[in-house]
């Protein structure tokens, strides 16, 4: 897609993300966080399903010829490998954070083309904060109704590497990697907000060795790349999408190459 087409598409995606966020918050307001377990033992709530329905309905209207691949629709997953271009969504990223009631959950929307996430929207409805962007497009954050351009922090402006890790999935291998970095400032967050903290210059590096799926990272990777950052696997390759296997390899997201572990 051309730059102008992507920009116009992004403008239409922002209200869709907000609508899905409203569906999530309607459930959140009831404080009825009852969850069932999916086949992979991850939790599923009514908020996941409500946001899924909103996103699928509107995205299908936005690009009728573009499949919508959602975490919450197993029948859609084949579209990742069969389509040159597809929507990749996580209607409620951070379901554990949603159930915990800490507000650190997001709605994730990405458009994948030829294996790359070319644009992404991440909406955190509990704090009414919206992030969007893509490589070569720039990146923005909107709190309430005030949008600003965001950019990763420069190493020269940071005295010690600020490492951000998962609040609910900080595994032993990731802890070992962090310990090997030497002195760091460690912080934690849920869902795609970890990528967004780097994109807005509030953190520098996010190592992730525990399992993630493509829908967990695609939207936030686009935002971070738009802000000047990068997301690489442990062999130094950018994360790709539409692979035969839905799981991502271990990866490190960072504001720049200077923060990448050796």
C-alpha atoms as a PDB file:
ATOM      1  CA  UNK A   1       0.000   0.000   0.000  1.00  0.00           C
ATOM      2  CA  UNK A   2       1.128   3.542  -0.680  1.00  0.00           C
ATOM      3  CA  UNK A   3       1.942   5.972   2.123  1.00  0.00           C
ATOM      4  CA  UNK A   4      -1.156   8.110   1.489  1.00  0.00           C
ATOM      5  CA  UNK A   5      -3.427   5.050   1.529  1.00  0.00           C
ATOM      6  CA  UNK A   6      -1.974   3.834   4.827  1.00  0.00           C
ATOM      7  CA  UNK A   7      -2.344   7.270   6.415  1.00  0.00           C
ATOM      8  CA  UNK A   8      -6.000   7.486   5.361  1.00  0.00           C
ATOM      9  CA  UNK A   9      -6.593   3.956   6.667  1.00  0.00           C
ATOM     10  CA  UNK A  10      -5.067   4.814  10.025  1.00  0.00           C
ATOM     11  CA  UNK A  11      -7.463   7.741  10.415  1.00  0.00           C
ATOM     12  CA  UNK A  12     -10.399   5.346  10.026  1.00  0.00           C
ATOM     13  CA  UNK A  13      -8.921   2.781  12.412  1.00  0.00           C
ATOM     14  CA  UNK A  14      -8.721   5.068  15.434  1.00  0.00           C
ATOM     15  CA  UNK A  15     -12.483   5.311  16.068  1.00  0.00           C
ATOM     16  CA  UNK A  16     -12.797   1.561  15.493  1.00  0.00           C
ATOM     17  CA  UNK A  17     -10.229   0.918  18.203  1.00  0.00           C
ATOM     18  CA  UNK A  18     -12.153   3.220  20.529  1.00  0.00           C
ATOM     19  CA  UNK A  19     -15.397   1.368  19.827  1.00  0.00           C
ATOM     20  CA  UNK A  20     -13.754  -1.935  20.712  1.00  0.00           C
ATOM     21  CA  UNK A  21     -12.319  -0.320  23.834  1.00  0.00           C
ATOM     22  CA  UNK A  22     -15.805   0.831  24.831  1.00  0.00           C
ATOM     23  CA  UNK A  23     -17.029  -2.758  24.495  1.00  0.00           C
ATOM     24  CA  UNK A  24     -14.227  -3.882  26.798  1.00  0.00           C
ATOM     25  CA  UNK A  25     -14.944  -1.159  29.337  1.00  0.00           C
ATOM     26  CA  UNK A  26     -18.666  -1.977  29.394  1.00  0.00           C
ATOM     27  CA  UNK A  27     -17.723  -5.373  30.810  1.00  0.00           C
ATOM     28  CA  UNK A  28     -14.957  -3.933  32.998  1.00  0.00           C
ATOM     29  CA  UNK A  29     -17.435  -1.550  34.640  1.00  0.00           C
ATOM     30  CA  UNK A  30     -19.569  -4.466  35.817  1.00  0.00           C
ATOM     31  CA  UNK A  31     -16.592  -5.962  37.692  1.00  0.00           C
ATOM     32  CA  UNK A  32     -17.804  -9.334  36.454  1.00  0.00           C
ATOM     33  CA  UNK A  33     -14.507 -10.789  35.288  1.00  0.00           C
ATOM     34  CA  UNK A  34     -15.573 -14.439  35.065  1.00  0.00           C
ATOM     35  CA  UNK A  35     -13.292 -16.296  32.659  1.00  0.00           C
ATOM     36  CA  UNK A  36     -13.244 -19.640  30.913  1.00  0.00           C
ATOM     37  CA  UNK A  37     -10.080 -21.372  29.746  1.00  0.00           C
ATOM     38  CA  UNK A  38      -9.248 -21.868  26.090  1.00  0.00           C
ATOM     39  CA  UNK A  39      -7.428 -24.907  24.725  1.00  0.00           C
ATOM     40  CA  UNK A  40      -4.069 -23.300  25.499  1.00  0.00           C
ATOM     41  CA  UNK A  41      -5.280 -22.621  29.091  1.00  0.00           C
ATOM     42  CA  UNK A  42      -5.276 -18.838  28.543  1.00  0.00           C
ATOM     43  CA  UNK A  43      -8.319 -17.023  29.970  1.00  0.00           C
ATOM     44  CA  UNK A  44     -11.274 -15.822  27.910  1.00  0.00           C
ATOM     45  CA  UNK A  45     -13.830 -13.259  29.096  1.00  0.00           C
ATOM     46  CA  UNK A  46     -16.941 -11.665  27.664  1.00  0.00           C
ATOM     47  CA  UNK A  47     -14.842  -8.556  27.049  1.00  0.00           C
ATOM     48  CA  UNK A  48     -12.578 -10.508  24.657  1.00  0.00           C
ATOM     49  CA  UNK A  49     -15.610 -11.701  22.708  1.00  0.00           C
ATOM     50  CA  UNK A  50     -17.420  -8.355  22.652  1.00  0.00           C
ATOM     51  CA  UNK A  51     -14.352  -6.496  21.362  1.00  0.00           C
ATOM     52  CA  UNK A  52     -13.748  -9.246  18.794  1.00  0.00           C
ATOM     53  CA  UNK A  53     -17.248  -8.801  17.371  1.00  0.00           C
ATOM     54  CA  UNK A  54     -16.844  -5.021  17.107  1.00  0.00           C
ATOM     55  CA  UNK A  55     -13.476  -5.246  15.374  1.00  0.00           C
ATOM     56  CA  UNK A  56     -14.436  -7.948  12.892  1.00  0.00           C
ATOM     57  CA  UNK A  57     -17.613  -6.108  11.875  1.00  0.00           C
ATOM     58  CA  UNK A  58     -15.903  -2.779  11.220  1.00  0.00           C
ATOM     59  CA  UNK A  59     -12.662  -4.083   9.717  1.00  0.00           C
ATOM     60  CA  UNK A  60     -14.548  -6.218   7.214  1.00  0.00           C
ATOM     61  CA  UNK A  61     -16.377  -3.089   6.079  1.00  0.00           C
ATOM     62  CA  UNK A  62     -13.175  -1.070   5.908  1.00  0.00           C
ATOM     63  CA  UNK A  63     -11.346  -3.500   3.588  1.00  0.00           C
ATOM     64  CA  UNK A  64     -13.860  -6.098   2.365  1.00  0.00           C
ATOM     65  CA  UNK A  65     -11.226  -8.173   0.525  1.00  0.00           C
ATOM     66  CA  UNK A  66      -8.882  -8.337   3.519  1.00  0.00           C
ATOM     67  CA  UNK A  67      -9.273 -11.300   5.927  1.00  0.00           C
ATOM     68  CA  UNK A  68      -9.518 -10.553   9.649  1.00  0.00           C
ATOM     69  CA  UNK A  69      -7.368 -12.895  11.710  1.00  0.00           C
ATOM     70  CA  UNK A  70      -8.329 -12.729  15.380  1.00  0.00           C
ATOM     71  CA  UNK A  71      -7.008 -14.491  18.443  1.00  0.00           C
ATOM     72  CA  UNK A  72     -10.623 -15.225  19.345  1.00  0.00           C
ATOM     73  CA  UNK A  73     -11.563 -16.961  16.082  1.00  0.00           C
ATOM     74  CA  UNK A  74      -9.648 -20.178  15.511  1.00  0.00           C
ATOM     75  CA  UNK A  75     -11.273 -20.609  12.106  1.00  0.00           C
ATOM     76  CA  UNK A  76      -9.663 -17.336  10.972  1.00  0.00           C
ATOM     77  CA  UNK A  77      -6.104 -18.380  11.765  1.00  0.00           C
ATOM     78  CA  UNK A  78      -5.491 -20.068   8.414  1.00  0.00           C
ATOM     79  CA  UNK A  79      -5.812 -16.633   6.825  1.00  0.00           C
ATOM     80  CA  UNK A  80      -2.382 -15.738   8.195  1.00  0.00           C
ATOM     81  CA  UNK A  81      -0.658 -18.118   5.816  1.00  0.00           C
ATOM     82  CA  UNK A  82      -3.058 -17.945   2.888  1.00  0.00           C
ATOM     83  CA  UNK A  83      -3.252 -14.190   2.400  1.00  0.00           C
ATOM     84  CA  UNK A  84      -0.700 -11.669   1.187  1.00  0.00           C
ATOM     85  CA  UNK A  85      -2.455  -9.026   3.268  1.00  0.00           C
ATOM     86  CA  UNK A  86      -4.605  -9.461   6.380  1.00  0.00           C
ATOM     87  CA  UNK A  87      -5.778  -7.785   9.552  1.00  0.00           C
ATOM     88  CA  UNK A  88      -4.228  -9.284  12.669  1.00  0.00           C
ATOM     89  CA  UNK A  89      -6.054  -8.418  15.886  1.00  0.00           C
ATOM     90  CA  UNK A  90      -5.999  -9.129  19.580  1.00  0.00           C
ATOM     91  CA  UNK A  91      -9.347  -7.807  20.835  1.00  0.00           C
ATOM     92  CA  UNK A  92      -8.169  -7.813  24.455  1.00  0.00           C
ATOM     93  CA  UNK A  93      -4.426  -8.084  24.981  1.00  0.00           C
ATOM     94  CA  UNK A  94      -3.657  -8.584  28.642  1.00  0.00           C
ATOM     95  CA  UNK A  95      -6.717 -10.567  29.708  1.00  0.00           C
ATOM     96  CA  UNK A  96      -4.940 -11.447  32.970  1.00  0.00           C
ATOM     97  CA  UNK A  97      -4.481  -7.729  33.659  1.00  0.00           C
ATOM     98  CA  UNK A  98      -8.159  -7.176  32.842  1.00  0.00           C
ATOM     99  CA  UNK A  99      -9.175  -9.853  35.351  1.00  0.00           C
ATOM    100  CA  UNK A 100      -6.776  -8.396  37.932  1.00  0.00           C
ATOM    101  CA  UNK A 101      -8.461  -5.027  37.449  1.00  0.00           C
ATOM    102  CA  UNK A 102      -5.222  -3.048  37.039  1.00  0.00           C
ATOM    103  CA  UNK A 103      -6.113  -1.308  33.765  1.00  0.00           C
ATOM    104  CA  UNK A 104      -3.043  -2.535  31.842  1.00  0.00           C
ATOM    105  CA  UNK A 105      -4.840  -4.097  28.890  1.00  0.00           C
ATOM    106  CA  UNK A 106      -5.142  -3.037  25.264  1.00  0.00           C
ATOM    107  CA  UNK A 107      -6.982  -3.476  21.987  1.00  0.00           C
ATOM    108  CA  UNK A 108      -4.489  -4.353  19.233  1.00  0.00           C
ATOM    109  CA  UNK A 109      -5.084  -3.860  15.492  1.00  0.00           C
ATOM    110  CA  UNK A 110      -2.385  -4.488  12.874  1.00  0.00           C
ATOM    111  CA  UNK A 111      -2.373  -4.655   9.102  1.00  0.00           C
ATOM    112  CA  UNK A 112       0.105  -7.211   7.801  1.00  0.00           C
ATOM    113  CA  UNK A 113       1.390  -7.129   4.227  1.00  0.00           C
ATOM    114  CA  UNK A 114       3.968  -9.550   2.821  1.00  0.00           C
ATOM    115  CA  UNK A 115       4.932 -10.688   6.322  1.00  0.00           C
ATOM    116  CA  UNK A 116       5.421  -7.178   7.764  1.00  0.00           C
ATOM    117  CA  UNK A 117       3.192  -5.304  10.143  1.00  0.00           C
ATOM    118  CA  UNK A 118       2.871  -2.085   8.138  1.00  0.00           C
ATOM    119  CA  UNK A 119       0.605  -0.201  10.543  1.00  0.00           C
ATOM    120  CA  UNK A 120      -0.645  -0.685  14.061  1.00  0.00           C
ATOM    121  CA  UNK A 121      -3.114   0.780  16.535  1.00  0.00           C
ATOM    122  CA  UNK A 122      -2.925   0.058  20.265  1.00  0.00           C
ATOM    123  CA  UNK A 123      -5.670   1.401  22.513  1.00  0.00           C
ATOM    124  CA  UNK A 124      -5.586   1.237  26.313  1.00  0.00           C
ATOM    125  CA  UNK A 125      -9.229   2.005  27.153  1.00  0.00           C
ATOM    126  CA  UNK A 126      -8.880   2.068  30.949  1.00  0.00           C
ATOM    127  CA  UNK A 127      -6.564   5.075  30.661  1.00  0.00           C
ATOM    128  CA  UNK A 128      -8.056   6.364  27.382  1.00  0.00           C
ATOM    129  CA  UNK A 129      -4.678   6.337  25.657  1.00  0.00           C
ATOM    130  CA  UNK A 130      -4.316   5.575  21.978  1.00  0.00           C
ATOM    131  CA  UNK A 131      -1.082   4.793  20.111  1.00  0.00           C
ATOM    132  CA  UNK A 132      -0.663   4.357  16.372  1.00  0.00           C
ATOM    133  CA  UNK A 133       2.017   4.307  13.693  1.00  0.00           C
ATOM    134  CA  UNK A 134       4.155   2.290  11.344  1.00  0.00           C
ATOM    135  CA  UNK A 135       7.652   2.104   9.888  1.00  0.00           C
ATOM    136  CA  UNK A 136       8.219   5.179   7.733  1.00  0.00           C
ATOM    137  CA  UNK A 137       4.960   6.753   8.929  1.00  0.00           C
ATOM    138  CA  UNK A 138       5.901   8.047  12.376  1.00  0.00           C
ATOM    139  CA  UNK A 139       4.102   7.294  15.629  1.00  0.00           C
ATOM    140  CA  UNK A 140       1.612   9.150  17.798  1.00  0.00           C
ATOM    141  CA  UNK A 141      -0.025   9.011  21.209  1.00  0.00           C
ATOM    142  CA  UNK A 142      -3.394  10.497  22.065  1.00  0.00           C
ATOM    143  CA  UNK A 143      -4.497  10.872  25.679  1.00  0.00           C
ATOM    144  CA  UNK A 144      -8.139  11.892  25.650  1.00  0.00           C
ATOM    145  CA  UNK A 145      -8.329  14.143  22.581  1.00  0.00           C
ATOM    146  CA  UNK A 146      -4.752  15.476  22.520  1.00  0.00           C
ATOM    147  CA  UNK A 147      -2.514  13.726  19.917  1.00  0.00           C
ATOM    148  CA  UNK A 148       1.256  14.207  19.944  1.00  0.00           C
ATOM    149  CA  UNK A 149       4.063  12.679  17.916  1.00  0.00           C
ATOM    150  CA  UNK A 150       6.216  10.272  19.935  1.00  0.00           C
ATOM    151  CA  UNK A 151       9.797   9.136  19.534  1.00  0.00           C
ATOM    152  CA  UNK A 152      12.098   6.678  21.296  1.00  0.00           C
ATOM    153  CA  UNK A 153      14.646   8.069  23.753  1.00  0.00           C
ATOM    154  CA  UNK A 154      18.225   8.666  22.637  1.00  0.00           C
ATOM    155  CA  UNK A 155      20.865   6.674  24.583  1.00  0.00           C
ATOM    156  CA  UNK A 156      22.749   9.890  25.327  1.00  0.00           C
ATOM    157  CA  UNK A 157      19.729  11.113  27.285  1.00  0.00           C
ATOM    158  CA  UNK A 158      19.528   8.023  29.523  1.00  0.00           C
ATOM    159  CA  UNK A 159      21.962   7.294  32.364  1.00  0.00           C
ATOM    160  CA  UNK A 160      21.025   3.609  32.742  1.00  0.00           C
ATOM    161  CA  UNK A 161      19.079   1.244  30.497  1.00  0.00           C
ATOM    162  CA  UNK A 162      15.427   1.190  31.511  1.00  0.00           C
ATOM    163  CA  UNK A 163      14.283  -2.389  30.995  1.00  0.00           C
ATOM    164  CA  UNK A 164      10.573  -3.124  30.942  1.00  0.00           C
ATOM    165  CA  UNK A 165       9.260  -6.649  31.463  1.00  0.00           C
ATOM    166  CA  UNK A 166       5.941  -8.449  31.557  1.00  0.00           C
ATOM    167  CA  UNK A 167       3.895  -8.095  34.707  1.00  0.00           C
ATOM    168  CA  UNK A 168       2.272 -11.529  34.335  1.00  0.00           C
ATOM    169  CA  UNK A 169       4.783 -13.511  32.242  1.00  0.00           C
ATOM    170  CA  UNK A 170       8.274 -12.718  33.550  1.00  0.00           C
ATOM    171  CA  UNK A 171       9.941 -16.123  33.126  1.00  0.00           C
ATOM    172  CA  UNK A 172      13.258 -17.416  34.437  1.00  0.00           C
ATOM    173  CA  UNK A 173      15.106 -17.163  31.100  1.00  0.00           C
ATOM    174  CA  UNK A 174      14.126 -13.519  30.695  1.00  0.00           C
ATOM    175  CA  UNK A 175      15.239 -12.786  34.263  1.00  0.00           C
ATOM    176  CA  UNK A 176      18.625 -14.354  33.458  1.00  0.00           C
ATOM    177  CA  UNK A 177      18.993 -12.177  30.348  1.00  0.00           C
ATOM    178  CA  UNK A 178      18.150  -9.049  32.329  1.00  0.00           C
ATOM    179  CA  UNK A 179      20.643  -9.971  35.075  1.00  0.00           C
ATOM    180  CA  UNK A 180      23.389 -10.286  32.445  1.00  0.00           C
ATOM    181  CA  UNK A 181      22.818  -6.716  31.282  1.00  0.00           C
ATOM    182  CA  UNK A 182      24.408  -5.281  34.402  1.00  0.00           C
ATOM    183  CA  UNK A 183      22.926  -2.249  36.178  1.00  0.00           C
ATOM    184  CA  UNK A 184      19.442  -1.500  34.819  1.00  0.00           C
ATOM    185  CA  UNK A 185      16.293   0.222  35.950  1.00  0.00           C
ATOM    186  CA  UNK A 186      13.603  -2.475  35.903  1.00  0.00           C
ATOM    187  CA  UNK A 187       9.935  -1.689  35.439  1.00  0.00           C
ATOM    188  CA  UNK A 188       6.915  -3.841  34.609  1.00  0.00           C
ATOM    189  CA  UNK A 189       3.731  -3.428  32.602  1.00  0.00           C
ATOM    190  CA  UNK A 190       1.044  -5.555  31.029  1.00  0.00           C
ATOM    191  CA  UNK A 191       0.001  -6.173  27.424  1.00  0.00           C
ATOM    192  CA  UNK A 192       1.322  -4.158  24.462  1.00  0.00           C
ATOM    193  CA  UNK A 193       1.937  -1.192  26.735  1.00  0.00           C
ATOM    194  CA  UNK A 194       5.525  -2.424  27.152  1.00  0.00           C
ATOM    195  CA  UNK A 195       6.268  -1.639  23.494  1.00  0.00           C
ATOM    196  CA  UNK A 196       4.437   1.663  23.760  1.00  0.00           C
ATOM    197  CA  UNK A 197       6.481   2.741  26.789  1.00  0.00           C
ATOM    198  CA  UNK A 198       9.593   2.362  24.627  1.00  0.00           C
ATOM    199  CA  UNK A 199       7.943   4.152  21.694  1.00  0.00           C
ATOM    200  CA  UNK A 200       7.136   7.185  23.863  1.00  0.00           C
ATOM    201  CA  UNK A 201      10.637   7.277  25.392  1.00  0.00           C
ATOM    202  CA  UNK A 202       9.696   6.036  28.880  1.00  0.00           C
ATOM    203  CA  UNK A 203      11.638   2.744  28.594  1.00  0.00           C
ATOM    204  CA  UNK A 204      14.516   1.495  26.456  1.00  0.00           C
ATOM    205  CA  UNK A 205      14.351  -2.276  26.123  1.00  0.00           C
ATOM    206  CA  UNK A 206      11.849  -5.130  26.430  1.00  0.00           C
ATOM    207  CA  UNK A 207      13.308  -8.662  26.294  1.00  0.00           C
ATOM    208  CA  UNK A 208      10.793 -11.465  25.844  1.00  0.00           C
ATOM    209  CA  UNK A 209      11.842 -15.108  25.942  1.00  0.00           C
ATOM    210  CA  UNK A 210       8.503 -16.499  27.150  1.00  0.00           C
ATOM    211  CA  UNK A 211       6.020 -17.538  24.430  1.00  0.00           C
ATOM    212  CA  UNK A 212       3.972 -14.950  22.544  1.00  0.00           C
ATOM    213  CA  UNK A 213       1.731 -15.209  19.481  1.00  0.00           C
ATOM    214  CA  UNK A 214       1.690 -13.050  16.373  1.00  0.00           C
ATOM    215  CA  UNK A 215      -1.401 -11.083  17.473  1.00  0.00           C
ATOM    216  CA  UNK A 216       0.350 -10.159  20.731  1.00  0.00           C
ATOM    217  CA  UNK A 217       3.072  -8.146  18.996  1.00  0.00           C
ATOM    218  CA  UNK A 218       2.100  -7.057  15.470  1.00  0.00           C
ATOM    219  CA  UNK A 219       0.293  -3.805  16.275  1.00  0.00           C
ATOM    220  CA  UNK A 220       2.769  -2.649  18.906  1.00  0.00           C
ATOM    221  CA  UNK A 221       5.759  -3.538  16.718  1.00  0.00           C
ATOM    222  CA  UNK A 222       4.412  -1.185  14.047  1.00  0.00           C
ATOM    223  CA  UNK A 223       3.979   1.604  16.602  1.00  0.00           C
ATOM    224  CA  UNK A 224       7.496   1.110  17.957  1.00  0.00           C
ATOM    225  CA  UNK A 225       9.059   1.005  14.496  1.00  0.00           C
ATOM    226  CA  UNK A 226       7.177   4.174  13.610  1.00  0.00           C
ATOM    227  CA  UNK A 227       8.728   5.821  16.683  1.00  0.00           C
ATOM    228  CA  UNK A 228      12.233   4.828  15.567  1.00  0.00           C
ATOM    229  CA  UNK A 229      12.597   1.568  17.499  1.00  0.00           C
ATOM    230  CA  UNK A 230      12.998  -2.041  16.467  1.00  0.00           C
ATOM    231  CA  UNK A 231      11.870  -5.553  17.370  1.00  0.00           C
ATOM    232  CA  UNK A 232      14.382  -8.313  16.588  1.00  0.00           C
ATOM    233  CA  UNK A 233      14.611 -12.017  17.296  1.00  0.00           C
ATOM    234  CA  UNK A 234      17.755 -13.352  18.969  1.00  0.00           C
ATOM    235  CA  UNK A 235      19.398 -13.772  15.537  1.00  0.00           C
ATOM    236  CA  UNK A 236      18.886 -10.077  14.794  1.00  0.00           C
ATOM    237  CA  UNK A 237      15.962 -10.449  12.378  1.00  0.00           C
ATOM    238  CA  UNK A 238      12.753  -8.396  12.571  1.00  0.00           C
ATOM    239  CA  UNK A 239       9.673 -10.325  13.688  1.00  0.00           C
ATOM    240  CA  UNK A 240       7.634 -11.549  10.730  1.00  0.00           C
ATOM    241  CA  UNK A 241       3.968 -12.455  10.431  1.00  0.00           C
ATOM    242  CA  UNK A 242       1.939 -15.038   8.565  1.00  0.00           C
ATOM    243  CA  UNK A 243       4.401 -17.813   9.475  1.00  0.00           C
ATOM    244  CA  UNK A 244       3.305 -21.483   9.467  1.00  0.00           C
ATOM    245  CA  UNK A 245       3.704 -21.357  13.264  1.00  0.00           C
ATOM    246  CA  UNK A 246       1.633 -18.739  15.095  1.00  0.00           C
ATOM    247  CA  UNK A 247       4.128 -18.452  17.947  1.00  0.00           C
ATOM    248  CA  UNK A 248       6.808 -15.763  17.802  1.00  0.00           C
ATOM    249  CA  UNK A 249      10.452 -16.588  18.459  1.00  0.00           C
ATOM    250  CA  UNK A 250      12.102 -15.034  21.502  1.00  0.00           C
ATOM    251  CA  UNK A 251      12.754 -11.355  20.817  1.00  0.00           C
ATOM    252  CA  UNK A 252      14.024  -8.043  22.118  1.00  0.00           C
ATOM    253  CA  UNK A 253      12.201  -4.769  21.497  1.00  0.00           C
ATOM    254  CA  UNK A 254      14.355  -1.659  21.912  1.00  0.00           C
ATOM    255  CA  UNK A 255      14.580   2.002  21.164  1.00  0.00           C
ATOM    256  CA  UNK A 256      17.775   1.489  19.150  1.00  0.00           C
ATOM    257  CA  UNK A 257      20.530  -1.042  18.415  1.00  0.00           C
ATOM    258  CA  UNK A 258      22.648   0.349  21.267  1.00  0.00           C
ATOM    259  CA  UNK A 259      20.306  -1.337  23.758  1.00  0.00           C
ATOM    260  CA  UNK A 260      20.373  -4.740  22.085  1.00  0.00           C
ATOM    261  CA  UNK A 261      22.144  -7.420  24.215  1.00  0.00           C
ATOM    262  CA  UNK A 262      25.283  -8.888  22.720  1.00  0.00           C
END
